[in-house]
Amino acid sequence: MTKSILAASFVAVLTLAACKKENKTAEPALGSDSIMSSPTDSTNQSTSDSLASNKTESNSEIIKTTLSDKDGKKLDVTFNNTKNTATLVFNGETIELEGQKPASGIWYKNDHYELRGKGNENELHKDGKLIFKSKK
C-alpha cells in the first residue's frame, strides 16, 4: 500500500513539473505552424517551416519575407502578428489580408485574395484562381 501511494505521488509530481515547463515560451500566432523564430537582426533566417526565404525584423511581431515563383515573380509579404494580418505586394498592388484559423500552416484572406501555405509551398489565389505559387 505504501509503495502504491509513493508511486502515485511520484507520477503526480512528474506530471506537474512537465506541465510547468511546457508553457514557458509563447509563440506568435500566424497559424498553427508559427513562422517566427527569435530574430536578432534583419539578416537572420527564420527557423519556421511555414515560409521560405524569411527575413525578419528585430520586432518578432512583424515579419517580412519575399517569395519567388518558378518564373522569378516576387511576392513581398509582411505579417503583423499583433493584428493577425498580412500585407502583400504583388505586381505593384498592395493587398491587405486577415488571418484565418488553418488546420496547419498559414491562411490569410479578404474578399478577393487568399494566401495559403505550409513549408515551402505557398499559393496566392484571386477570386479562386491561382495567380502565384512559390517555388519549392
C-alpha atoms as a PDB file:
ATOM      1  CA  MET A   1       0.000   0.000   0.000  1.00  0.00           C
ATOM      2  CA  THR A   2       2.805   2.413   0.893  1.00  0.00           C
ATOM      3  CA  LYS A   3       4.549   1.642  -2.410  1.00  0.00           C
ATOM      4  CA  SER A   4       1.367   2.446  -4.345  1.00  0.00           C
ATOM      5  CA  ILE A   5       0.964   5.791  -2.600  1.00  0.00           C
ATOM      6  CA  LEU A   6       4.617   6.682  -3.199  1.00  0.00           C
ATOM      7  CA  ALA A   7       4.384   5.673  -6.851  1.00  0.00           C
ATOM      8  CA  ALA A   8       1.206   7.725  -7.375  1.00  0.00           C
ATOM      9  CA  SER A   9       2.793  10.737  -5.661  1.00  0.00           C
ATOM     10  CA  PHE A  10       5.911  10.425  -7.831  1.00  0.00           C
ATOM     11  CA  VAL A  11       3.846  10.297 -11.040  1.00  0.00           C
ATOM     12  CA  ALA A  12       1.808  13.338  -9.924  1.00  0.00           C
ATOM     13  CA  VAL A  13       4.955  15.365  -9.194  1.00  0.00           C
ATOM     14  CA  LEU A  14       6.484  14.490 -12.569  1.00  0.00           C
ATOM     15  CA  THR A  15       3.261  15.403 -14.379  1.00  0.00           C
ATOM     16  CA  LEU A  16       3.035  18.782 -12.667  1.00  0.00           C
ATOM     17  CA  ALA A  17       6.698  19.536 -13.350  1.00  0.00           C
ATOM     18  CA  ALA A  18       6.267  18.695 -17.040  1.00  0.00           C
ATOM     19  CA  CYS A  19       3.196  20.935 -17.319  1.00  0.00           C
ATOM     20  CA  LYS A  20       5.011  23.932 -15.846  1.00  0.00           C
ATOM     21  CA  LYS A  21       7.890  23.684 -18.339  1.00  0.00           C
ATOM     22  CA  GLU A  22       5.612  23.290 -21.371  1.00  0.00           C
ATOM     23  CA  ASN A  23       4.174  26.828 -21.499  1.00  0.00           C
ATOM     24  CA  LYS A  24       7.209  28.966 -20.633  1.00  0.00           C
ATOM     25  CA  THR A  25       7.595  30.457 -24.134  1.00  0.00           C
ATOM     26  CA  ALA A  26       4.691  31.841 -26.079  1.00  0.00           C
ATOM     27  CA  GLU A  27       4.771  31.605 -29.846  1.00  0.00           C
ATOM     28  CA  PRO A  28       3.412  34.422 -32.047  1.00  0.00           C
ATOM     29  CA  ALA A  29       0.208  33.459 -33.824  1.00  0.00           C
ATOM     30  CA  LEU A  30       0.339  33.215 -37.602  1.00  0.00           C
ATOM     31  CA  GLY A  31      -1.423  29.942 -37.916  1.00  0.00           C
ATOM     32  CA  SER A  32      -0.927  26.561 -36.420  1.00  0.00           C
ATOM     33  CA  ASP A  33       2.645  26.395 -37.639  1.00  0.00           C
ATOM     34  CA  SER A  34       4.292  29.518 -36.332  1.00  0.00           C
ATOM     35  CA  ILE A  35       6.520  31.498 -38.639  1.00  0.00           C
ATOM     36  CA  MET A  36       8.658  33.138 -36.005  1.00  0.00           C
ATOM     37  CA  SER A  37      11.958  32.299 -34.518  1.00  0.00           C
ATOM     38  CA  SER A  38      13.811  34.581 -32.127  1.00  0.00           C
ATOM     39  CA  PRO A  39      15.362  37.074 -34.531  1.00  0.00           C
ATOM     40  CA  THR A  40      18.244  39.327 -33.586  1.00  0.00           C
ATOM     41  CA  ASP A  41      18.596  41.327 -36.786  1.00  0.00           C
ATOM     42  CA  SER A  42      17.185  41.668 -40.308  1.00  0.00           C
ATOM     43  CA  THR A  43      19.566  39.098 -41.800  1.00  0.00           C
ATOM     44  CA  ASN A  44      18.512  36.120 -39.654  1.00  0.00           C
ATOM     45  CA  GLN A  45      16.785  33.230 -41.368  1.00  0.00           C
ATOM     46  CA  SER A  46      13.617  32.100 -39.636  1.00  0.00           C
ATOM     47  CA  THR A  47      13.578  28.579 -38.259  1.00  0.00           C
ATOM     48  CA  SER A  48       9.952  28.147 -39.261  1.00  0.00           C
ATOM     49  CA  ASP A  49       8.812  25.665 -41.836  1.00  0.00           C
ATOM     50  CA  SER A  50       5.920  27.921 -42.912  1.00  0.00           C
ATOM     51  CA  LEU A  51       7.704  30.139 -45.437  1.00  0.00           C
ATOM     52  CA  ALA A  52      10.869  30.013 -47.482  1.00  0.00           C
ATOM     53  CA  SER A  53      13.442  32.834 -47.505  1.00  0.00           C
ATOM     54  CA  ASN A  54      12.146  34.595 -44.385  1.00  0.00           C
ATOM     55  CA  LYS A  55      13.852  37.822 -43.397  1.00  0.00           C
ATOM     56  CA  THR A  56      12.812  39.066 -40.006  1.00  0.00           C
ATOM     57  CA  GLU A  57      12.934  42.469 -38.335  1.00  0.00           C
ATOM     58  CA  SER A  58      14.098  42.951 -34.777  1.00  0.00           C
ATOM     59  CA  ASN A  59      10.456  43.051 -33.608  1.00  0.00           C
ATOM     60  CA  SER A  60       9.080  39.497 -33.599  1.00  0.00           C
ATOM     61  CA  GLU A  61       5.544  40.825 -34.110  1.00  0.00           C
ATOM     62  CA  ILE A  62       6.376  41.994 -37.655  1.00  0.00           C
ATOM     63  CA  ILE A  63       7.789  39.504 -40.164  1.00  0.00           C
ATOM     64  CA  LYS A  64       8.810  40.388 -43.703  1.00  0.00           C
ATOM     65  CA  THR A  65       9.584  37.875 -46.411  1.00  0.00           C
ATOM     66  CA  THR A  66       9.889  37.713 -50.175  1.00  0.00           C
ATOM     67  CA  LEU A  67       8.664  34.660 -52.055  1.00  0.00           C
ATOM     68  CA  SER A  68       9.573  33.791 -55.631  1.00  0.00           C
ATOM     69  CA  ASP A  69       7.857  31.595 -58.174  1.00  0.00           C
ATOM     70  CA  LYS A  70       9.477  29.445 -60.864  1.00  0.00           C
ATOM     71  CA  ASP A  71       9.317  32.355 -63.353  1.00  0.00           C
ATOM     72  CA  GLY A  72      11.076  34.756 -60.980  1.00  0.00           C
ATOM     73  CA  LYS A  73       7.991  36.764 -59.988  1.00  0.00           C
ATOM     74  CA  LYS A  74       8.220  38.167 -56.467  1.00  0.00           C
ATOM     75  CA  LEU A  75       5.622  38.312 -53.710  1.00  0.00           C
ATOM     76  CA  ASP A  76       6.563  40.555 -50.781  1.00  0.00           C
ATOM     77  CA  VAL A  77       4.722  39.637 -47.595  1.00  0.00           C
ATOM     78  CA  THR A  78       4.631  41.472 -44.262  1.00  0.00           C
ATOM     79  CA  PHE A  79       2.949  39.622 -41.405  1.00  0.00           C
ATOM     80  CA  ASN A  80       1.694  41.569 -38.390  1.00  0.00           C
ATOM     81  CA  ASN A  81       1.198  39.084 -35.549  1.00  0.00           C
ATOM     82  CA  THR A  82      -0.360  41.696 -33.274  1.00  0.00           C
ATOM     83  CA  LYS A  83      -3.137  42.492 -35.748  1.00  0.00           C
ATOM     84  CA  ASN A  84      -3.222  38.975 -37.309  1.00  0.00           C
ATOM     85  CA  THR A  85      -2.869  40.454 -40.800  1.00  0.00           C
ATOM     86  CA  ALA A  86      -0.683  40.010 -43.858  1.00  0.00           C
ATOM     87  CA  THR A  87       0.148  42.800 -46.293  1.00  0.00           C
ATOM     88  CA  LEU A  88       1.180  41.601 -49.744  1.00  0.00           C
ATOM     89  CA  VAL A  89       2.800  43.489 -52.588  1.00  0.00           C
ATOM     90  CA  PHE A  90       2.320  41.634 -55.878  1.00  0.00           C
ATOM     91  CA  ASN A  91       2.693  43.139 -59.359  1.00  0.00           C
ATOM     92  CA  GLY A  92       2.715  46.636 -57.850  1.00  0.00           C
ATOM     93  CA  GLU A  93      -0.578  46.086 -55.994  1.00  0.00           C
ATOM     94  CA  THR A  94      -0.783  46.232 -52.187  1.00  0.00           C
ATOM     95  CA  ILE A  95      -3.192  43.673 -50.731  1.00  0.00           C
ATOM     96  CA  GLU A  96      -4.399  43.522 -47.106  1.00  0.00           C
ATOM     97  CA  LEU A  97      -5.445  40.098 -45.807  1.00  0.00           C
ATOM     98  CA  GLU A  98      -6.876  38.971 -42.474  1.00  0.00           C
ATOM     99  CA  GLY A  99      -5.638  35.879 -40.651  1.00  0.00           C
ATOM    100  CA  GLN A 100      -7.832  32.769 -40.591  1.00  0.00           C
ATOM    101  CA  LYS A 101      -7.573  29.618 -38.478  1.00  0.00           C
ATOM    102  CA  PRO A 102      -5.871  26.924 -40.581  1.00  0.00           C
ATOM    103  CA  ALA A 103      -5.578  23.294 -39.577  1.00  0.00           C
ATOM    104  CA  SER A 104      -1.851  23.797 -40.133  1.00  0.00           C
ATOM    105  CA  GLY A 105       0.352  26.243 -42.000  1.00  0.00           C
ATOM    106  CA  ILE A 106      -0.875  29.754 -42.800  1.00  0.00           C
ATOM    107  CA  TRP A 107      -4.139  31.120 -44.175  1.00  0.00           C
ATOM    108  CA  TYR A 108      -4.953  34.775 -44.837  1.00  0.00           C
ATOM    109  CA  LYS A 109      -7.763  36.158 -46.980  1.00  0.00           C
ATOM    110  CA  ASN A 110     -10.016  39.047 -47.928  1.00  0.00           C
ATOM    111  CA  ASP A 111     -12.979  39.288 -50.326  1.00  0.00           C
ATOM    112  CA  HIS A 112     -10.865  38.549 -53.430  1.00  0.00           C
ATOM    113  CA  TYR A 113      -7.488  37.182 -52.367  1.00  0.00           C
ATOM    114  CA  GLU A 114      -6.388  34.162 -50.358  1.00  0.00           C
ATOM    115  CA  LEU A 115      -2.869  33.238 -49.245  1.00  0.00           C
ATOM    116  CA  ARG A 116      -2.308  29.686 -48.012  1.00  0.00           C
ATOM    117  CA  GLY A 117       0.861  27.832 -47.329  1.00  0.00           C
ATOM    118  CA  LYS A 118       2.803  25.269 -45.432  1.00  0.00           C
ATOM    119  CA  GLY A 119       6.521  24.725 -45.526  1.00  0.00           C
ATOM    120  CA  ASN A 120       7.987  25.988 -48.774  1.00  0.00           C
ATOM    121  CA  GLU A 121       4.687  25.705 -50.646  1.00  0.00           C
ATOM    122  CA  ASN A 122       2.682  28.939 -50.639  1.00  0.00           C
ATOM    123  CA  GLU A 123      -0.113  29.907 -53.001  1.00  0.00           C
ATOM    124  CA  LEU A 124      -1.926  33.164 -53.708  1.00  0.00           C
ATOM    125  CA  HIS A 125      -5.379  32.950 -55.271  1.00  0.00           C
ATOM    126  CA  LYS A 126      -7.502  35.781 -56.666  1.00  0.00           C
ATOM    127  CA  ASP A 127     -11.231  35.049 -56.893  1.00  0.00           C
ATOM    128  CA  GLY A 128     -10.453  31.322 -56.704  1.00  0.00           C
ATOM    129  CA  LYS A 129      -7.818  31.388 -59.481  1.00  0.00           C
ATOM    130  CA  LEU A 130      -4.180  30.562 -58.716  1.00  0.00           C
ATOM    131  CA  ILE A 131      -2.047  33.621 -59.542  1.00  0.00           C
ATOM    132  CA  PHE A 132       1.175  32.822 -57.631  1.00  0.00           C
ATOM    133  CA  LYS A 133       2.818  29.648 -56.370  1.00  0.00           C
ATOM    134  CA  SER A 134       6.175  29.808 -54.608  1.00  0.00           C
ATOM    135  CA  LYS A 135       8.929  27.569 -55.864  1.00  0.00           C
ATOM    136  CA  LYS A 136       9.868  24.611 -53.730  1.00  0.00           C
END
